[in-house]
Amino acid sequence: MWDYHLRPKKLAKLGGKALDKLMDLPLANQELPEAIESLAALKSRMSIVLGLSSVQSNPNHRASHGALGCYNARSQGANGSFTDQRYQTFDHALAASLLCIIPVVGLGVYANSEMVFTNSVSVVSPKRPLPIVYQPDIASRSLFGSVAQWNAGKAFRARNKLLHWARDDIRRVRNELTEMDRDKLDLYLDTFEQMRNRQEKVNDI
């Protein structure tokens, strides 16, 4: 998406130095652009933040964690993507003030329909990416499985047992790896820990 897809129509007429200064305007009096005008009914619950990463997150396409982190994720992965999770991204910085079980939910779409999740956009803290889930059914089961009935409820409970097993299995394997490989495995272990802790909190309520 380009910024003009998000910029309210009155502000779209501004240009040059007028956009260089900080502006904090209520959305109530703003008309949304065509790309997001279907969200007009939610304006009272919505914020549009522009101008955070127009330069810092180079490259401007596939900037990975730099898009929400306002930094250049310079470590280039084998597939050509930029993967360095050097700093917390601003979605988590804002969510830190919220007292909730799931402060940030990462949902996405991907051309490959078989892709389940990836660590490419959001970072909880340095070296701790948040998985972006690409499969709607998996996201739904993860978020709402604790209150599901019949087979869906059974699948949620079985998944909890699997997370416990996976965590313990990763810990066993970890001690047999080199330091570099342990660092990579720790990312997976942390993801399982986050998922397991979240599921336990959901169960408690």
N, C-alpha and C. Protein backbone atom coordinates (compact mmCIF):
# COMPACT_ATOMS: atom_id res chain seq x y z
N MET A 1 0.84 -1.20 0.00
CA MET A 1 0.00 0.00 0.00
C MET A 1 0.87 1.25 0.00
N TRP A 2 0.48 2.24 -0.77
CA TRP A 2 1.16 3.54 -0.76
C TRP A 2 0.49 4.44 0.27
N ASP A 3 1.17 5.51 0.65
CA ASP A 3 0.61 6.36 1.69
C ASP A 3 -0.69 7.02 1.25
N TYR A 4 -0.87 7.27 -0.06
CA TYR A 4 -2.11 7.90 -0.50
C TYR A 4 -3.30 6.96 -0.39
N HIS A 5 -3.04 5.65 -0.22
CA HIS A 5 -4.13 4.71 0.05
C HIS A 5 -4.68 4.91 1.46
N LEU A 6 -3.89 5.51 2.34
CA LEU A 6 -4.26 5.67 3.74
C LEU A 6 -4.50 7.12 4.15
N ARG A 7 -3.93 8.06 3.42
CA ARG A 7 -3.99 9.47 3.83
C ARG A 7 -5.41 10.02 3.61
N PRO A 8 -6.03 10.58 4.68
CA PRO A 8 -7.36 11.20 4.53
C PRO A 8 -7.36 12.21 3.38
N LYS A 9 -8.52 12.38 2.74
CA LYS A 9 -8.59 13.14 1.49
C LYS A 9 -8.14 14.60 1.65
N LYS A 10 -8.48 15.25 2.78
CA LYS A 10 -8.06 16.64 2.97
C LYS A 10 -6.53 16.75 3.02
N LEU A 11 -5.89 15.77 3.65
CA LEU A 11 -4.44 15.80 3.77
C LEU A 11 -3.76 15.42 2.46
N ALA A 12 -4.48 14.71 1.61
CA ALA A 12 -3.90 14.30 0.33
C ALA A 12 -3.59 15.50 -0.55
N LYS A 13 -4.28 16.62 -0.30
CA LYS A 13 -4.06 17.83 -1.11
C LYS A 13 -2.82 18.59 -0.65
N LEU A 14 -2.33 18.26 0.56
CA LEU A 14 -1.14 18.93 1.05
C LEU A 14 0.09 18.32 0.42
N GLY A 15 1.15 19.07 0.35
CA GLY A 15 2.38 18.54 -0.23
C GLY A 15 3.58 19.30 0.26
N GLY A 16 4.76 18.83 -0.13
CA GLY A 16 6.01 19.52 0.21
C GLY A 16 6.24 19.62 1.71
N LYS A 17 6.63 20.81 2.17
CA LYS A 17 7.01 21.01 3.57
C LYS A 17 5.82 20.90 4.51
N ALA A 18 4.61 21.05 3.99
CA ALA A 18 3.43 20.94 4.85
C ALA A 18 3.32 19.57 5.50
N LEU A 19 3.87 18.55 4.83
CA LEU A 19 3.81 17.20 5.36
C LEU A 19 5.02 16.84 6.20
N ASP A 20 5.98 17.75 6.32
CA ASP A 20 7.18 17.47 7.10
C ASP A 20 6.97 17.70 8.59
N LYS A 21 5.94 18.45 8.96
CA LYS A 21 5.72 18.74 10.37
C LYS A 21 4.75 17.73 10.98
N LEU A 22 4.85 17.58 12.30
CA LEU A 22 3.98 16.65 13.01
C LEU A 22 2.55 17.17 13.03
N MET A 23 1.60 16.31 12.65
CA MET A 23 0.19 16.66 12.71
C MET A 23 -0.56 15.58 13.47
N ASP A 24 -1.38 15.99 14.41
CA ASP A 24 -2.19 15.05 15.19
C ASP A 24 -3.63 15.50 15.06
N LEU A 25 -4.39 14.85 14.20
CA LEU A 25 -5.74 15.28 13.87
C LEU A 25 -6.74 14.16 14.13
N PRO A 26 -7.92 14.48 14.68
CA PRO A 26 -8.96 13.45 14.87
C PRO A 26 -9.51 12.99 13.52
N LEU A 27 -9.80 11.71 13.42
CA LEU A 27 -10.33 11.17 12.17
C LEU A 27 -11.81 11.50 11.97
N ALA A 28 -12.49 11.92 13.04
CA ALA A 28 -13.93 12.14 12.95
C ALA A 28 -14.30 13.11 11.84
N ASN A 29 -13.46 14.12 11.61
CA ASN A 29 -13.76 15.14 10.60
C ASN A 29 -13.07 14.87 9.26
N GLN A 30 -12.47 13.68 9.13
CA GLN A 30 -11.71 13.37 7.93
C GLN A 30 -12.46 12.35 7.06
N GLU A 31 -12.37 12.56 5.76
CA GLU A 31 -12.95 11.60 4.82
C GLU A 31 -11.86 10.63 4.38
N LEU A 32 -12.11 9.34 4.55
CA LEU A 32 -11.11 8.34 4.22
C LEU A 32 -10.98 8.17 2.71
N PRO A 33 -9.78 7.80 2.25
CA PRO A 33 -9.59 7.57 0.82
C PRO A 33 -10.31 6.30 0.36
N GLU A 34 -10.45 6.16 -0.92
CA GLU A 34 -11.25 5.07 -1.48
C GLU A 34 -10.76 3.69 -1.02
N ALA A 35 -9.45 3.52 -0.89
CA ALA A 35 -8.90 2.20 -0.56
C ALA A 35 -9.39 1.68 0.79
N ILE A 36 -9.68 2.58 1.73
CA ILE A 36 -10.09 2.14 3.07
C ILE A 36 -11.40 2.80 3.50
N GLU A 37 -12.20 3.31 2.57
CA GLU A 37 -13.42 4.00 2.95
C GLU A 37 -14.44 3.06 3.59
N SER A 38 -14.30 1.75 3.37
CA SER A 38 -15.22 0.81 4.00
C SER A 38 -15.02 0.73 5.52
N LEU A 39 -13.93 1.32 6.03
CA LEU A 39 -13.66 1.34 7.47
C LEU A 39 -14.21 2.59 8.14
N ALA A 40 -14.95 3.42 7.42
CA ALA A 40 -15.41 4.70 7.96
C ALA A 40 -16.21 4.54 9.25
N ALA A 41 -16.98 3.48 9.36
CA ALA A 41 -17.80 3.28 10.56
C ALA A 41 -16.94 3.02 11.80
N LEU A 42 -15.67 2.70 11.62
CA LEU A 42 -14.77 2.39 12.74
C LEU A 42 -13.82 3.54 13.06
N LYS A 43 -14.06 4.71 12.50
CA LYS A 43 -13.10 5.81 12.67
C LYS A 43 -12.88 6.18 14.14
N SER A 44 -13.90 6.04 14.97
CA SER A 44 -13.76 6.40 16.39
C SER A 44 -12.86 5.43 17.14
N ARG A 45 -12.60 4.27 16.54
CA ARG A 45 -11.76 3.26 17.19
C ARG A 45 -10.46 3.03 16.43
N MET A 46 -10.12 3.94 15.57
CA MET A 46 -9.02 3.71 14.63
C MET A 46 -8.03 4.87 14.65
N SER A 47 -6.77 4.55 14.40
CA SER A 47 -5.74 5.57 14.20
C SER A 47 -4.99 5.26 12.91
N ILE A 48 -4.61 6.29 12.20
CA ILE A 48 -3.78 6.14 11.01
C ILE A 48 -2.46 6.85 11.29
N VAL A 49 -1.37 6.11 11.27
CA VAL A 49 -0.05 6.66 11.56
C VAL A 49 0.76 6.62 10.27
N LEU A 50 1.23 7.78 9.83
CA LEU A 50 1.96 7.87 8.57
C LEU A 50 3.35 8.47 8.78
N GLY A 51 4.26 8.13 7.89
CA GLY A 51 5.56 8.78 7.88
C GLY A 51 6.61 8.19 8.79
N LEU A 52 6.39 7.00 9.31
CA LEU A 52 7.34 6.43 10.26
C LEU A 52 8.53 5.76 9.58
N SER A 53 8.33 5.22 8.39
CA SER A 53 9.41 4.39 7.83
C SER A 53 9.66 4.67 6.35
N SER A 54 9.48 5.88 5.93
CA SER A 54 9.64 6.18 4.51
C SER A 54 11.08 6.15 4.07
N VAL A 55 12.03 6.34 5.00
CA VAL A 55 13.45 6.36 4.66
C VAL A 55 14.22 5.28 5.41
N GLN A 56 13.96 5.17 6.71
CA GLN A 56 14.80 4.34 7.56
C GLN A 56 14.74 2.86 7.22
N SER A 57 13.61 2.39 6.71
CA SER A 57 13.44 0.95 6.55
C SER A 57 13.89 0.45 5.18
N ASN A 58 14.80 1.16 4.54
CA ASN A 58 15.35 0.75 3.25
C ASN A 58 15.76 -0.73 3.29
N PRO A 59 15.44 -1.56 2.31
CA PRO A 59 14.78 -1.21 1.05
C PRO A 59 13.28 -0.97 1.27
N ASN A 60 12.69 -0.18 0.38
CA ASN A 60 11.29 0.19 0.59
C ASN A 60 10.32 -0.94 0.24
N HIS A 61 10.80 -1.95 -0.47
CA HIS A 61 9.95 -3.10 -0.78
C HIS A 61 10.54 -4.32 -0.07
N ARG A 62 9.67 -5.07 0.61
CA ARG A 62 10.12 -6.21 1.43
C ARG A 62 11.12 -5.74 2.50
N ALA A 63 10.75 -4.68 3.21
CA ALA A 63 11.63 -4.15 4.25
C ALA A 63 11.60 -5.00 5.51
N SER A 64 10.75 -6.01 5.52
CA SER A 64 10.67 -6.94 6.64
C SER A 64 10.41 -6.18 7.94
N HIS A 65 11.17 -6.50 9.00
CA HIS A 65 10.92 -5.89 10.30
C HIS A 65 11.17 -4.39 10.30
N GLY A 66 11.90 -3.89 9.32
CA GLY A 66 12.15 -2.46 9.26
C GLY A 66 10.91 -1.65 8.98
N ALA A 67 9.88 -2.25 8.37
CA ALA A 67 8.67 -1.51 8.03
C ALA A 67 7.96 -1.00 9.28
N LEU A 68 7.87 -1.82 10.32
CA LEU A 68 7.25 -1.41 11.58
C LEU A 68 8.29 -1.00 12.62
N GLY A 69 9.56 -1.24 12.32
CA GLY A 69 10.61 -0.92 13.28
C GLY A 69 11.36 0.36 12.97
N CYS A 70 11.17 0.92 11.78
CA CYS A 70 11.85 2.15 11.37
C CYS A 70 13.36 1.98 11.41
N TYR A 71 13.86 0.84 11.03
CA TYR A 71 15.30 0.63 10.92
C TYR A 71 15.57 -0.28 9.72
N ASN A 72 16.80 -0.30 9.28
CA ASN A 72 17.18 -1.13 8.15
C ASN A 72 17.57 -2.52 8.66
N ALA A 73 16.74 -3.50 8.34
CA ALA A 73 17.03 -4.88 8.75
C ALA A 73 18.07 -5.46 7.79
N ARG A 74 19.34 -5.21 8.07
CA ARG A 74 20.39 -5.42 7.07
C ARG A 74 20.79 -6.88 6.86
N SER A 75 20.57 -7.76 7.83
CA SER A 75 21.00 -9.14 7.67
C SER A 75 20.17 -9.82 6.61
N GLN A 76 20.76 -10.07 5.47
CA GLN A 76 20.02 -10.61 4.34
C GLN A 76 20.01 -12.13 4.39
N GLY A 77 18.81 -12.70 4.37
CA GLY A 77 18.67 -14.15 4.43
C GLY A 77 18.96 -14.81 3.11
N ALA A 78 18.92 -16.14 3.12
CA ALA A 78 19.26 -16.92 1.93
C ALA A 78 18.28 -16.66 0.79
N ASN A 79 17.03 -16.32 1.11
CA ASN A 79 16.03 -16.09 0.07
C ASN A 79 15.98 -14.64 -0.38
N GLY A 80 16.94 -13.83 0.06
CA GLY A 80 16.99 -12.45 -0.35
C GLY A 80 16.22 -11.50 0.53
N SER A 81 15.53 -12.01 1.56
CA SER A 81 14.75 -11.14 2.44
C SER A 81 15.64 -10.56 3.54
N PHE A 82 15.22 -9.43 4.10
CA PHE A 82 15.95 -8.80 5.18
C PHE A 82 15.34 -9.26 6.49
N THR A 83 16.17 -9.88 7.35
CA THR A 83 15.61 -10.64 8.47
C THR A 83 16.11 -10.22 9.84
N ASP A 84 16.91 -9.17 9.96
CA ASP A 84 17.49 -8.81 11.25
C ASP A 84 16.43 -8.21 12.17
N GLN A 85 16.20 -8.87 13.31
CA GLN A 85 15.21 -8.39 14.29
C GLN A 85 15.94 -7.61 15.39
N ARG A 86 16.46 -6.44 15.03
CA ARG A 86 17.35 -5.72 15.95
C ARG A 86 16.60 -5.00 17.06
N TYR A 87 15.39 -4.52 16.78
CA TYR A 87 14.66 -3.74 17.75
C TYR A 87 13.19 -4.14 17.77
N GLN A 88 12.54 -3.79 18.86
CA GLN A 88 11.10 -3.99 18.96
C GLN A 88 10.39 -3.13 17.92
N THR A 89 9.34 -3.67 17.31
CA THR A 89 8.56 -2.89 16.36
C THR A 89 7.48 -2.10 17.10
N PHE A 90 6.99 -1.02 16.45
CA PHE A 90 6.16 -0.09 17.20
C PHE A 90 4.79 -0.65 17.55
N ASP A 91 4.32 -1.71 16.88
CA ASP A 91 3.05 -2.32 17.28
C ASP A 91 3.15 -2.89 18.70
N HIS A 92 4.31 -3.49 19.01
CA HIS A 92 4.50 -4.02 20.37
C HIS A 92 4.80 -2.91 21.38
N ALA A 93 5.46 -1.86 20.94
CA ALA A 93 5.72 -0.74 21.83
C ALA A 93 4.40 -0.11 22.28
N LEU A 94 3.45 0.03 21.36
CA LEU A 94 2.14 0.57 21.72
C LEU A 94 1.34 -0.42 22.57
N ALA A 95 1.45 -1.70 22.23
CA ALA A 95 0.67 -2.72 22.93
C ALA A 95 1.16 -2.95 24.36
N ALA A 96 2.38 -2.53 24.68
CA ALA A 96 2.93 -2.74 26.02
C ALA A 96 2.10 -2.06 27.10
N SER A 97 1.33 -1.05 26.71
CA SER A 97 0.50 -0.33 27.69
C SER A 97 -0.84 -1.02 27.93
N LEU A 98 -1.12 -2.11 27.21
CA LEU A 98 -2.40 -2.79 27.32
C LEU A 98 -2.28 -4.02 28.21
N LEU A 99 -3.22 -4.20 29.11
CA LEU A 99 -3.24 -5.37 29.98
C LEU A 99 -4.15 -6.42 29.35
N CYS A 100 -3.59 -7.23 28.48
CA CYS A 100 -4.38 -8.26 27.82
C CYS A 100 -3.51 -9.46 27.51
N ILE A 101 -4.14 -10.59 27.27
CA ILE A 101 -3.42 -11.84 27.04
C ILE A 101 -2.69 -11.82 25.70
N ILE A 102 -3.35 -11.29 24.69
CA ILE A 102 -2.76 -11.26 23.35
C ILE A 102 -2.66 -9.80 22.91
N PRO A 103 -1.59 -9.09 23.27
CA PRO A 103 -1.49 -7.67 22.93
C PRO A 103 -1.41 -7.39 21.44
N VAL A 104 -0.79 -8.29 20.68
CA VAL A 104 -0.68 -8.12 19.24
C VAL A 104 -1.04 -9.44 18.56
N VAL A 105 -1.94 -9.39 17.61
CA VAL A 105 -2.31 -10.58 16.82
C VAL A 105 -1.74 -10.39 15.42
N GLY A 106 -0.91 -11.32 14.98
CA GLY A 106 -0.30 -11.23 13.66
C GLY A 106 -1.03 -12.10 12.64
N LEU A 107 -1.78 -11.48 11.74
CA LEU A 107 -2.50 -12.20 10.69
C LEU A 107 -2.08 -11.65 9.34
N GLY A 108 -1.99 -12.51 8.33
CA GLY A 108 -1.56 -12.04 7.03
C GLY A 108 -2.10 -12.90 5.90
N VAL A 109 -1.76 -12.51 4.68
CA VAL A 109 -2.10 -13.28 3.49
C VAL A 109 -0.81 -13.52 2.71
N TYR A 110 -0.79 -14.61 1.96
CA TYR A 110 0.42 -14.95 1.22
C TYR A 110 0.03 -15.67 -0.06
N ALA A 111 0.82 -15.47 -1.09
CA ALA A 111 0.50 -16.07 -2.39
C ALA A 111 0.53 -17.60 -2.33
N ASN A 112 1.43 -18.13 -1.51
CA ASN A 112 1.53 -19.58 -1.36
C ASN A 112 0.49 -20.04 -0.33
N SER A 113 -0.56 -20.69 -0.78
CA SER A 113 -1.66 -21.07 0.10
C SER A 113 -1.25 -22.11 1.14
N GLU A 114 -0.09 -22.76 0.94
CA GLU A 114 0.35 -23.78 1.89
C GLU A 114 1.19 -23.19 3.02
N MET A 115 1.58 -21.94 2.91
CA MET A 115 2.37 -21.30 3.94
C MET A 115 1.51 -21.11 5.20
N VAL A 116 2.02 -21.54 6.36
CA VAL A 116 1.26 -21.45 7.61
C VAL A 116 1.60 -20.17 8.36
N PHE A 117 2.87 -19.89 8.57
CA PHE A 117 3.27 -18.67 9.27
C PHE A 117 4.69 -18.29 8.88
N THR A 118 5.06 -17.06 9.21
CA THR A 118 6.42 -16.61 8.98
C THR A 118 6.77 -15.56 10.02
N ASN A 119 8.07 -15.37 10.26
CA ASN A 119 8.55 -14.32 11.14
C ASN A 119 9.17 -13.23 10.26
N SER A 120 8.37 -12.25 9.85
CA SER A 120 8.89 -11.32 8.85
C SER A 120 8.51 -9.86 9.07
N VAL A 121 7.64 -9.56 10.04
CA VAL A 121 7.13 -8.20 10.13
C VAL A 121 7.24 -7.62 11.54
N SER A 122 6.79 -8.37 12.52
CA SER A 122 6.59 -7.85 13.87
C SER A 122 7.61 -8.45 14.84
N VAL A 123 8.14 -7.61 15.75
CA VAL A 123 9.16 -8.06 16.71
C VAL A 123 8.75 -7.67 18.12
N VAL A 124 8.65 -8.67 19.01
CA VAL A 124 8.28 -8.44 20.40
C VAL A 124 9.38 -7.68 21.12
N SER A 125 10.61 -8.16 20.97
CA SER A 125 11.81 -7.54 21.52
C SER A 125 12.98 -8.06 20.69
N PRO A 126 14.18 -7.49 20.81
CA PRO A 126 15.29 -7.92 19.95
C PRO A 126 15.45 -9.44 19.90
N LYS A 127 15.50 -9.95 18.66
CA LYS A 127 15.66 -11.38 18.38
C LYS A 127 14.44 -12.21 18.78
N ARG A 128 13.29 -11.56 19.01
CA ARG A 128 12.07 -12.29 19.35
C ARG A 128 10.94 -11.87 18.40
N PRO A 129 10.91 -12.42 17.18
CA PRO A 129 9.86 -12.05 16.23
C PRO A 129 8.52 -12.65 16.62
N LEU A 130 7.45 -11.98 16.21
CA LEU A 130 6.10 -12.52 16.39
C LEU A 130 5.68 -13.22 15.10
N PRO A 131 5.27 -14.47 15.18
CA PRO A 131 4.83 -15.16 13.95
C PRO A 131 3.59 -14.52 13.36
N ILE A 132 3.59 -14.34 12.04
CA ILE A 132 2.42 -13.88 11.31
C ILE A 132 1.73 -15.11 10.74
N VAL A 133 0.49 -15.37 11.14
CA VAL A 133 -0.24 -16.57 10.73
C VAL A 133 -0.96 -16.31 9.41
N TYR A 134 -0.76 -17.19 8.44
CA TYR A 134 -1.34 -17.03 7.11
C TYR A 134 -2.62 -17.85 6.90
N GLN A 135 -2.86 -18.83 7.76
CA GLN A 135 -4.00 -19.71 7.57
C GLN A 135 -5.14 -19.30 8.49
N PRO A 136 -6.28 -18.81 7.95
CA PRO A 136 -7.39 -18.34 8.78
C PRO A 136 -7.92 -19.39 9.75
N ASP A 137 -8.02 -20.66 9.30
CA ASP A 137 -8.56 -21.69 10.19
C ASP A 137 -7.64 -21.95 11.37
N ILE A 138 -6.33 -21.92 11.13
CA ILE A 138 -5.37 -22.12 12.22
C ILE A 138 -5.41 -20.94 13.19
N ALA A 139 -5.50 -19.72 12.67
CA ALA A 139 -5.60 -18.54 13.52
C ALA A 139 -6.86 -18.59 14.38
N SER A 140 -7.97 -19.00 13.78
CA SER A 140 -9.24 -19.09 14.50
C SER A 140 -9.16 -20.11 15.63
N ARG A 141 -8.58 -21.28 15.34
CA ARG A 141 -8.47 -22.32 16.37
C ARG A 141 -7.57 -21.86 17.50
N SER A 142 -6.50 -21.15 17.16
CA SER A 142 -5.57 -20.67 18.17
C SER A 142 -6.20 -19.64 19.08
N LEU A 143 -6.99 -18.72 18.51
CA LEU A 143 -7.56 -17.63 19.28
C LEU A 143 -8.81 -18.04 20.05
N PHE A 144 -9.63 -18.91 19.45
CA PHE A 144 -10.93 -19.21 20.04
C PHE A 144 -11.14 -20.68 20.39
N GLY A 145 -10.09 -21.49 20.24
CA GLY A 145 -10.24 -22.92 20.49
C GLY A 145 -10.60 -23.28 21.92
N SER A 146 -10.23 -22.42 22.89
CA SER A 146 -10.49 -22.74 24.30
C SER A 146 -11.98 -22.76 24.62
N VAL A 147 -12.81 -22.07 23.83
CA VAL A 147 -14.25 -22.05 24.08
C VAL A 147 -15.01 -22.86 23.04
N ALA A 148 -14.27 -23.57 22.19
CA ALA A 148 -14.92 -24.39 21.16
C ALA A 148 -15.44 -25.68 21.76
N GLN A 149 -16.45 -26.24 21.13
CA GLN A 149 -17.04 -27.49 21.59
C GLN A 149 -16.71 -28.62 20.61
N TRP A 150 -17.02 -29.83 21.02
CA TRP A 150 -16.88 -31.02 20.21
C TRP A 150 -15.46 -31.19 19.67
N ASN A 151 -15.32 -31.50 18.39
CA ASN A 151 -14.00 -31.83 17.84
C ASN A 151 -13.04 -30.65 17.90
N ALA A 152 -13.55 -29.43 17.72
CA ALA A 152 -12.69 -28.25 17.76
C ALA A 152 -12.08 -28.08 19.14
N GLY A 153 -12.88 -28.32 20.19
CA GLY A 153 -12.37 -28.23 21.55
C GLY A 153 -11.33 -29.30 21.84
N LYS A 154 -11.59 -30.52 21.34
CA LYS A 154 -10.63 -31.60 21.52
C LYS A 154 -9.30 -31.28 20.82
N ALA A 155 -9.39 -30.69 19.63
CA ALA A 155 -8.19 -30.34 18.88
C ALA A 155 -7.38 -29.28 19.63
N PHE A 156 -8.06 -28.33 20.28
CA PHE A 156 -7.37 -27.30 21.04
C PHE A 156 -6.60 -27.91 22.21
N ARG A 157 -7.24 -28.83 22.93
CA ARG A 157 -6.58 -29.47 24.07
C ARG A 157 -5.41 -30.34 23.61
N ALA A 158 -5.60 -31.01 22.48
CA ALA A 158 -4.50 -31.83 21.94
C ALA A 158 -3.34 -30.95 21.52
N ARG A 159 -3.64 -29.79 21.00
CA ARG A 159 -2.59 -28.85 20.59
C ARG A 159 -1.79 -28.38 21.79
N ASN A 160 -2.45 -28.14 22.91
CA ASN A 160 -1.74 -27.74 24.12
C ASN A 160 -0.74 -28.81 24.54
N LYS A 161 -1.17 -30.08 24.48
CA LYS A 161 -0.27 -31.18 24.84
C LYS A 161 0.91 -31.24 23.88
N LEU A 162 0.63 -30.97 22.59
CA LEU A 162 1.70 -30.99 21.59
C LEU A 162 2.71 -29.88 21.85
N LEU A 163 2.24 -28.71 22.25
CA LEU A 163 3.14 -27.60 22.56
C LEU A 163 4.06 -27.94 23.73
N HIS A 164 3.51 -28.59 24.74
CA HIS A 164 4.34 -29.02 25.88
C HIS A 164 5.41 -29.99 25.41
N TRP A 165 5.00 -30.97 24.58
CA TRP A 165 5.95 -31.97 24.09
C TRP A 165 7.02 -31.32 23.23
N ALA A 166 6.61 -30.42 22.31
CA ALA A 166 7.56 -29.77 21.41
C ALA A 166 8.59 -28.94 22.19
N ARG A 167 8.11 -28.23 23.20
CA ARG A 167 9.02 -27.41 24.02
C ARG A 167 10.08 -28.28 24.68
N ASP A 168 9.66 -29.37 25.29
CA ASP A 168 10.60 -30.25 25.97
C ASP A 168 11.56 -30.91 24.99
N ASP A 169 11.04 -31.28 23.80
CA ASP A 169 11.88 -31.93 22.80
C ASP A 169 12.94 -30.97 22.27
N ILE A 170 12.56 -29.71 22.04
CA ILE A 170 13.52 -28.70 21.57
C ILE A 170 14.61 -28.49 22.61
N ARG A 171 14.23 -28.46 23.87
CA ARG A 171 15.23 -28.28 24.93
C ARG A 171 16.22 -29.44 24.97
N ARG A 172 15.74 -30.64 24.71
CA ARG A 172 16.65 -31.80 24.71
C ARG A 172 17.65 -31.71 23.56
N VAL A 173 17.16 -31.34 22.39
CA VAL A 173 18.02 -31.26 21.20
C VAL A 173 19.02 -30.10 21.34
N ARG A 174 18.60 -29.03 21.96
CA ARG A 174 19.39 -27.80 22.05
C ARG A 174 20.78 -28.04 22.61
N ASN A 175 20.89 -28.85 23.63
CA ASN A 175 22.16 -29.07 24.30
C ASN A 175 23.18 -29.81 23.43
N GLU A 176 22.73 -30.38 22.33
CA GLU A 176 23.62 -31.15 21.47
C GLU A 176 24.08 -30.35 20.25
N LEU A 177 23.71 -29.07 20.15
CA LEU A 177 24.02 -28.27 18.98
C LEU A 177 25.14 -27.27 19.25
N THR A 178 25.71 -26.74 18.15
CA THR A 178 26.71 -25.69 18.28
C THR A 178 26.03 -24.39 18.71
N GLU A 179 26.82 -23.41 19.13
CA GLU A 179 26.24 -22.16 19.64
C GLU A 179 25.40 -21.46 18.57
N MET A 180 25.88 -21.44 17.32
CA MET A 180 25.14 -20.78 16.24
C MET A 180 23.79 -21.46 16.02
N ASP A 181 23.80 -22.79 16.00
CA ASP A 181 22.56 -23.52 15.79
C ASP A 181 21.62 -23.38 16.99
N ARG A 182 22.19 -23.26 18.19
CA ARG A 182 21.36 -23.06 19.38
C ARG A 182 20.63 -21.74 19.32
N ASP A 183 21.30 -20.70 18.81
CA ASP A 183 20.66 -19.40 18.70
C ASP A 183 19.45 -19.46 17.76
N LYS A 184 19.61 -20.19 16.65
CA LYS A 184 18.50 -20.35 15.71
C LYS A 184 17.35 -21.13 16.36
N LEU A 185 17.71 -22.18 17.07
CA LEU A 185 16.69 -23.01 17.70
C LEU A 185 15.97 -22.25 18.82
N ASP A 186 16.68 -21.35 19.47
CA ASP A 186 16.08 -20.57 20.56
C ASP A 186 14.91 -19.73 20.05
N LEU A 187 14.98 -19.26 18.79
CA LEU A 187 13.87 -18.51 18.22
C LEU A 187 12.61 -19.37 18.16
N TYR A 188 12.79 -20.63 17.74
CA TYR A 188 11.66 -21.54 17.68
C TYR A 188 11.14 -21.85 19.08
N LEU A 189 12.07 -22.08 20.02
CA LEU A 189 11.68 -22.39 21.39
C LEU A 189 10.90 -21.24 22.00
N ASP A 190 11.36 -20.01 21.75
CA ASP A 190 10.66 -18.85 22.29
C ASP A 190 9.26 -18.73 21.71
N THR A 191 9.12 -19.06 20.42
CA THR A 191 7.79 -19.04 19.80
C THR A 191 6.86 -20.03 20.47
N PHE A 192 7.35 -21.25 20.71
CA PHE A 192 6.54 -22.25 21.40
C PHE A 192 6.19 -21.81 22.81
N GLU A 193 7.16 -21.19 23.50
CA GLU A 193 6.90 -20.70 24.86
C GLU A 193 5.80 -19.64 24.85
N GLN A 194 5.89 -18.70 23.89
CA GLN A 194 4.86 -17.66 23.81
C GLN A 194 3.48 -18.28 23.58
N MET A 195 3.41 -19.24 22.66
CA MET A 195 2.14 -19.87 22.34
C MET A 195 1.60 -20.65 23.54
N ARG A 196 2.50 -21.38 24.21
CA ARG A 196 2.06 -22.19 25.35
C ARG A 196 1.57 -21.30 26.49
N ASN A 197 2.31 -20.23 26.80
CA ASN A 197 1.90 -19.33 27.88
C ASN A 197 0.58 -18.66 27.58
N ARG A 198 0.39 -18.30 26.31
CA ARG A 198 -0.86 -17.66 25.92
C ARG A 198 -2.03 -18.62 26.07
N GLN A 199 -1.82 -19.87 25.65
CA GLN A 199 -2.88 -20.85 25.75
C GLN A 199 -3.26 -21.10 27.20
N GLU A 200 -2.27 -21.13 28.10
CA GLU A 200 -2.56 -21.37 29.52
C GLU A 200 -3.36 -20.21 30.11
N LYS A 201 -3.04 -18.97 29.70
CA LYS A 201 -3.79 -17.82 30.20
C LYS A 201 -5.22 -17.85 29.69
N VAL A 202 -5.38 -18.25 28.41
CA VAL A 202 -6.73 -18.36 27.85
C VAL A 202 -7.52 -19.41 28.60
N ASN A 203 -6.87 -20.53 28.92
CA ASN A 203 -7.56 -21.59 29.66
C ASN A 203 -8.02 -21.11 31.04
N ASP A 204 -7.18 -20.28 31.69
CA ASP A 204 -7.50 -19.81 33.03
C ASP A 204 -8.77 -18.98 33.09
N ILE A 205 -9.06 -18.25 32.01
CA ILE A 205 -10.25 -17.40 32.02
C ILE A 205 -11.46 -18.09 31.41
